């Protein structure tokens, strides 16, 4: 861009960092993966990971994306809950993630060599946002936030497929999205109530 400097034009180079476009099919699979991670839908996680070229190491891949132990997703799947009991800064969970990195270092490098190239930039972005979130002490549940917008993306893609979907499939798409929104609303209200009665502190 050009801006005035001491009465003369000055050329300014703006560094946008690394960026690239996201292919529609990859975008759909990535959205389905985050929606499944939020809902602790184990089959959905496996199916989305398979579409992204990850089969055997799907649990490790999920842990890399969320920076949470996969066992936590299994527990939430049993409880049908969007909320994990420990906060994101829990030292025990951090130790588990460090153990993953040390124990599966070779598998991680192998996994990174097989996923679509677009995924590498997204992983870098996720780590950057997570670090900012943690540094600012934000109580935001990033998994719920990502899952919410992922569900919205899937719903909007379905709405735009008017020529290829029947009215029943459109209804199922809408109903699935509404169910996700209701679960998120219940989750948010529950957290608000737990904080109000002093059972949970979101400011820690």
Protein backbone atom coordinates (compact mmCIF):
# COMPACT_ATOMS: atom_id res chain seq x y z
CA UNK A 1 0.00 0.00 0.00
CA UNK A 2 1.03 3.65 -0.31
CA UNK A 3 0.79 6.14 2.55
CA UNK A 4 1.90 9.75 2.99
CA UNK A 5 5.18 10.25 4.87
CA UNK A 6 6.58 13.77 5.37
CA UNK A 7 4.54 15.01 2.42
CA UNK A 8 5.82 12.28 0.09
CA UNK A 9 4.30 8.90 -0.88
CA UNK A 10 5.82 5.93 0.92
CA UNK A 11 5.53 2.37 -0.35
CA UNK A 12 4.61 -0.10 2.42
CA UNK A 13 4.99 -3.85 2.02
CA UNK A 14 2.37 -5.76 4.03
CA UNK A 15 3.35 -9.29 5.14
CA UNK A 16 0.27 -11.51 5.11
CA UNK A 17 2.19 -14.56 6.30
CA UNK A 18 1.40 -17.98 4.86
CA UNK A 19 -2.04 -18.53 3.41
CA UNK A 20 -3.77 -20.56 0.74
CA UNK A 21 -7.23 -21.44 -0.49
CA UNK A 22 -9.09 -24.47 0.85
CA UNK A 23 -10.49 -26.99 -1.63
CA UNK A 24 -14.25 -27.67 -1.20
CA UNK A 25 -13.90 -31.42 -0.53
CA UNK A 26 -11.12 -30.89 2.02
CA UNK A 27 -13.17 -28.12 3.66
CA UNK A 28 -16.15 -30.47 3.99
CA UNK A 29 -14.09 -33.28 5.52
CA UNK A 30 -12.31 -30.90 7.89
CA UNK A 31 -15.66 -29.50 9.03
CA UNK A 32 -17.09 -32.99 9.53
CA UNK A 33 -14.04 -33.92 11.59
CA UNK A 34 -14.40 -30.92 13.94
CA UNK A 35 -18.13 -31.46 14.30
CA UNK A 36 -17.46 -35.10 15.23
CA UNK A 37 -14.70 -34.11 17.65
CA UNK A 38 -17.05 -31.70 19.41
CA UNK A 39 -19.85 -34.27 19.63
CA UNK A 40 -17.40 -37.07 20.56
CA UNK A 41 -18.80 -39.05 17.62
CA UNK A 42 -16.19 -41.81 17.32
CA UNK A 43 -17.51 -43.20 14.03
CA UNK A 44 -17.70 -39.70 12.55
CA UNK A 45 -14.10 -39.05 13.62
CA UNK A 46 -12.91 -42.27 11.97
CA UNK A 47 -14.84 -41.59 8.76
CA UNK A 48 -13.60 -38.00 8.45
CA UNK A 49 -10.01 -39.04 9.20
CA UNK A 50 -10.28 -41.78 6.56
CA UNK A 51 -11.37 -39.18 4.02
CA UNK A 52 -8.30 -37.12 4.93
CA UNK A 53 -6.01 -40.11 4.42
CA UNK A 54 -5.60 -41.03 8.10
CA UNK A 55 -6.73 -44.51 9.15
CA UNK A 56 -4.66 -46.35 11.76
CA UNK A 57 -3.45 -43.18 13.49
CA UNK A 58 -6.84 -41.44 13.69
CA UNK A 59 -6.70 -41.23 17.51
CA UNK A 60 -3.25 -39.64 17.38
CA UNK A 61 -4.42 -37.22 14.69
CA UNK A 62 -7.41 -36.18 16.82
CA UNK A 63 -5.08 -35.56 19.78
CA UNK A 64 -2.82 -33.43 17.57
CA UNK A 65 -5.76 -31.31 16.38
CA UNK A 66 -7.30 -30.75 19.79
CA UNK A 67 -4.21 -30.91 22.03
CA UNK A 68 -6.31 -33.15 24.26
CA UNK A 69 -5.87 -36.87 25.09
CA UNK A 70 -8.08 -39.07 22.90
CA UNK A 71 -9.24 -40.89 26.04
CA UNK A 72 -11.09 -37.70 26.91
CA UNK A 73 -13.12 -37.94 23.69
CA UNK A 74 -13.96 -41.55 24.51
CA UNK A 75 -15.18 -40.50 27.97
CA UNK A 76 -17.29 -37.69 26.53
CA UNK A 77 -18.73 -40.16 24.03
CA UNK A 78 -19.90 -42.36 26.91
CA UNK A 79 -21.39 -39.40 28.79
CA UNK A 80 -22.83 -37.71 25.65
CA UNK A 81 -21.21 -34.49 26.87
CA UNK A 82 -19.57 -31.52 25.15
CA UNK A 83 -17.61 -30.65 28.27
CA UNK A 84 -14.43 -32.23 29.57
CA UNK A 85 -13.93 -32.27 33.32
CA UNK A 86 -10.39 -30.87 33.39
CA UNK A 87 -9.49 -27.45 32.07
CA UNK A 88 -7.18 -26.94 29.10
CA UNK A 89 -4.22 -26.09 31.33
CA UNK A 90 -4.47 -29.26 33.41
CA UNK A 91 -0.92 -30.47 34.11
CA UNK A 92 -1.85 -34.15 33.94
CA UNK A 93 -3.31 -33.67 30.45
CA UNK A 94 -0.26 -31.69 29.39
CA UNK A 95 1.92 -34.57 30.56
CA UNK A 96 -0.16 -37.00 28.49
CA UNK A 97 0.23 -34.83 25.38
CA UNK A 98 4.01 -34.59 25.96
CA UNK A 99 4.05 -38.37 26.32
CA UNK A 100 2.24 -38.68 22.99
CA UNK A 101 4.83 -36.44 21.33
CA UNK A 102 7.74 -38.48 22.72
CA UNK A 103 6.24 -41.93 22.23
CA UNK A 104 4.74 -41.37 18.80
CA UNK A 105 7.26 -38.95 17.30
CA UNK A 106 7.97 -41.27 14.37
CA UNK A 107 4.25 -41.81 13.77
CA UNK A 108 3.61 -38.06 13.91
CA UNK A 109 6.17 -37.39 11.18
CA UNK A 110 4.70 -40.21 9.11
CA UNK A 111 1.20 -38.84 9.61
CA UNK A 112 2.24 -35.32 8.60
CA UNK A 113 3.69 -36.72 5.37
CA UNK A 114 0.36 -38.33 4.38
CA UNK A 115 -2.25 -35.68 5.21
CA UNK A 116 -3.23 -33.11 2.53
CA UNK A 117 -0.80 -30.20 2.31
CA UNK A 118 -3.58 -27.83 3.33
CA UNK A 119 -3.72 -29.57 6.71
CA UNK A 120 -0.16 -28.56 7.62
CA UNK A 121 -1.01 -24.88 7.51
CA UNK A 122 -4.20 -25.45 9.49
CA UNK A 123 -2.28 -27.35 12.17
CA UNK A 124 0.12 -24.43 12.45
CA UNK A 125 -2.82 -22.04 12.72
CA UNK A 126 -4.49 -24.19 15.40
CA UNK A 127 -1.33 -24.19 17.51
CA UNK A 128 -0.98 -20.42 17.14
CA UNK A 129 -4.59 -19.75 18.19
CA UNK A 130 -4.35 -22.23 21.06
CA UNK A 131 -1.20 -20.55 22.35
CA UNK A 132 -2.85 -17.11 22.20
CA UNK A 133 -5.94 -18.47 23.95
CA UNK A 134 -3.85 -20.05 26.71
CA UNK A 135 -1.59 -16.99 27.10
CA UNK A 136 -4.58 -14.68 27.54
CA UNK A 137 -6.16 -17.03 30.07
CA UNK A 138 -9.30 -17.31 27.98
CA UNK A 139 -11.93 -19.78 29.28
CA UNK A 140 -13.15 -20.44 25.73
CA UNK A 141 -13.78 -24.08 24.86
CA UNK A 142 -12.15 -23.99 21.43
CA UNK A 143 -13.47 -27.42 20.54
CA UNK A 144 -17.06 -26.24 20.95
CA UNK A 145 -16.34 -23.05 18.99
CA UNK A 146 -14.71 -24.96 16.12
CA UNK A 147 -17.44 -27.60 16.19
CA UNK A 148 -20.18 -24.97 16.05
CA UNK A 149 -18.80 -23.30 12.93
CA UNK A 150 -18.00 -26.67 11.39
CA UNK A 151 -21.65 -27.72 11.83
CA UNK A 152 -22.75 -24.41 10.30
CA UNK A 153 -20.45 -24.97 7.32
CA UNK A 154 -21.86 -28.48 6.74
CA UNK A 155 -25.42 -27.14 6.99
CA UNK A 156 -24.78 -24.31 4.53
CA UNK A 157 -23.13 -26.68 2.06
CA UNK A 158 -26.24 -28.85 2.25
CA UNK A 159 -28.51 -25.85 1.65
CA UNK A 160 -26.56 -24.94 -1.48
CA UNK A 161 -26.99 -28.47 -2.89
CA UNK A 162 -30.65 -27.90 -3.80
CA UNK A 163 -30.43 -29.70 -7.12
CA UNK A 164 -28.83 -32.87 -5.75
CA UNK A 165 -30.74 -33.34 -2.47
CA UNK A 166 -34.36 -34.32 -1.90
CA UNK A 167 -36.61 -32.33 0.45
CA UNK A 168 -36.20 -35.11 3.04
CA UNK A 169 -32.41 -34.87 2.86
CA UNK A 170 -32.66 -31.09 3.26
CA UNK A 171 -34.86 -31.62 6.30
CA UNK A 172 -32.39 -34.10 7.78
CA UNK A 173 -29.57 -31.60 7.16
CA UNK A 174 -31.54 -28.85 8.92
CA UNK A 175 -32.61 -31.12 11.79
CA UNK A 176 -29.04 -32.31 12.37
CA UNK A 177 -27.85 -28.72 12.55
CA UNK A 178 -30.64 -27.75 14.95
CA UNK A 179 -29.72 -30.65 17.25
CA UNK A 180 -26.11 -29.43 17.36
CA UNK A 181 -27.20 -25.86 18.16
CA UNK A 182 -29.49 -27.09 20.94
CA UNK A 183 -26.69 -29.18 22.49
CA UNK A 184 -24.33 -26.20 22.38
CA UNK A 185 -26.98 -23.97 23.97
CA UNK A 186 -27.57 -26.51 26.75
CA UNK A 187 -23.80 -26.76 27.23
CA UNK A 188 -23.43 -22.97 27.52
CA UNK A 189 -26.37 -22.61 29.91
CA UNK A 190 -25.05 -25.46 32.06
CA UNK A 191 -21.60 -23.84 32.33
CA UNK A 192 -23.21 -20.50 33.18
CA UNK A 193 -25.27 -22.11 35.94
CA UNK A 194 -22.34 -24.08 37.37
CA UNK A 195 -20.29 -20.88 37.53
CA UNK A 196 -23.21 -18.97 39.08
CA UNK A 197 -23.62 -21.49 41.90
CA UNK A 198 -19.86 -21.65 42.45
CA UNK A 199 -19.32 -25.24 41.29
CA UNK A 200 -17.17 -24.20 38.34
CA UNK A 201 -14.85 -21.25 37.74
CA UNK A 202 -14.41 -20.23 34.10
CA UNK A 203 -11.88 -17.53 34.90
CA UNK A 204 -9.11 -19.88 35.93
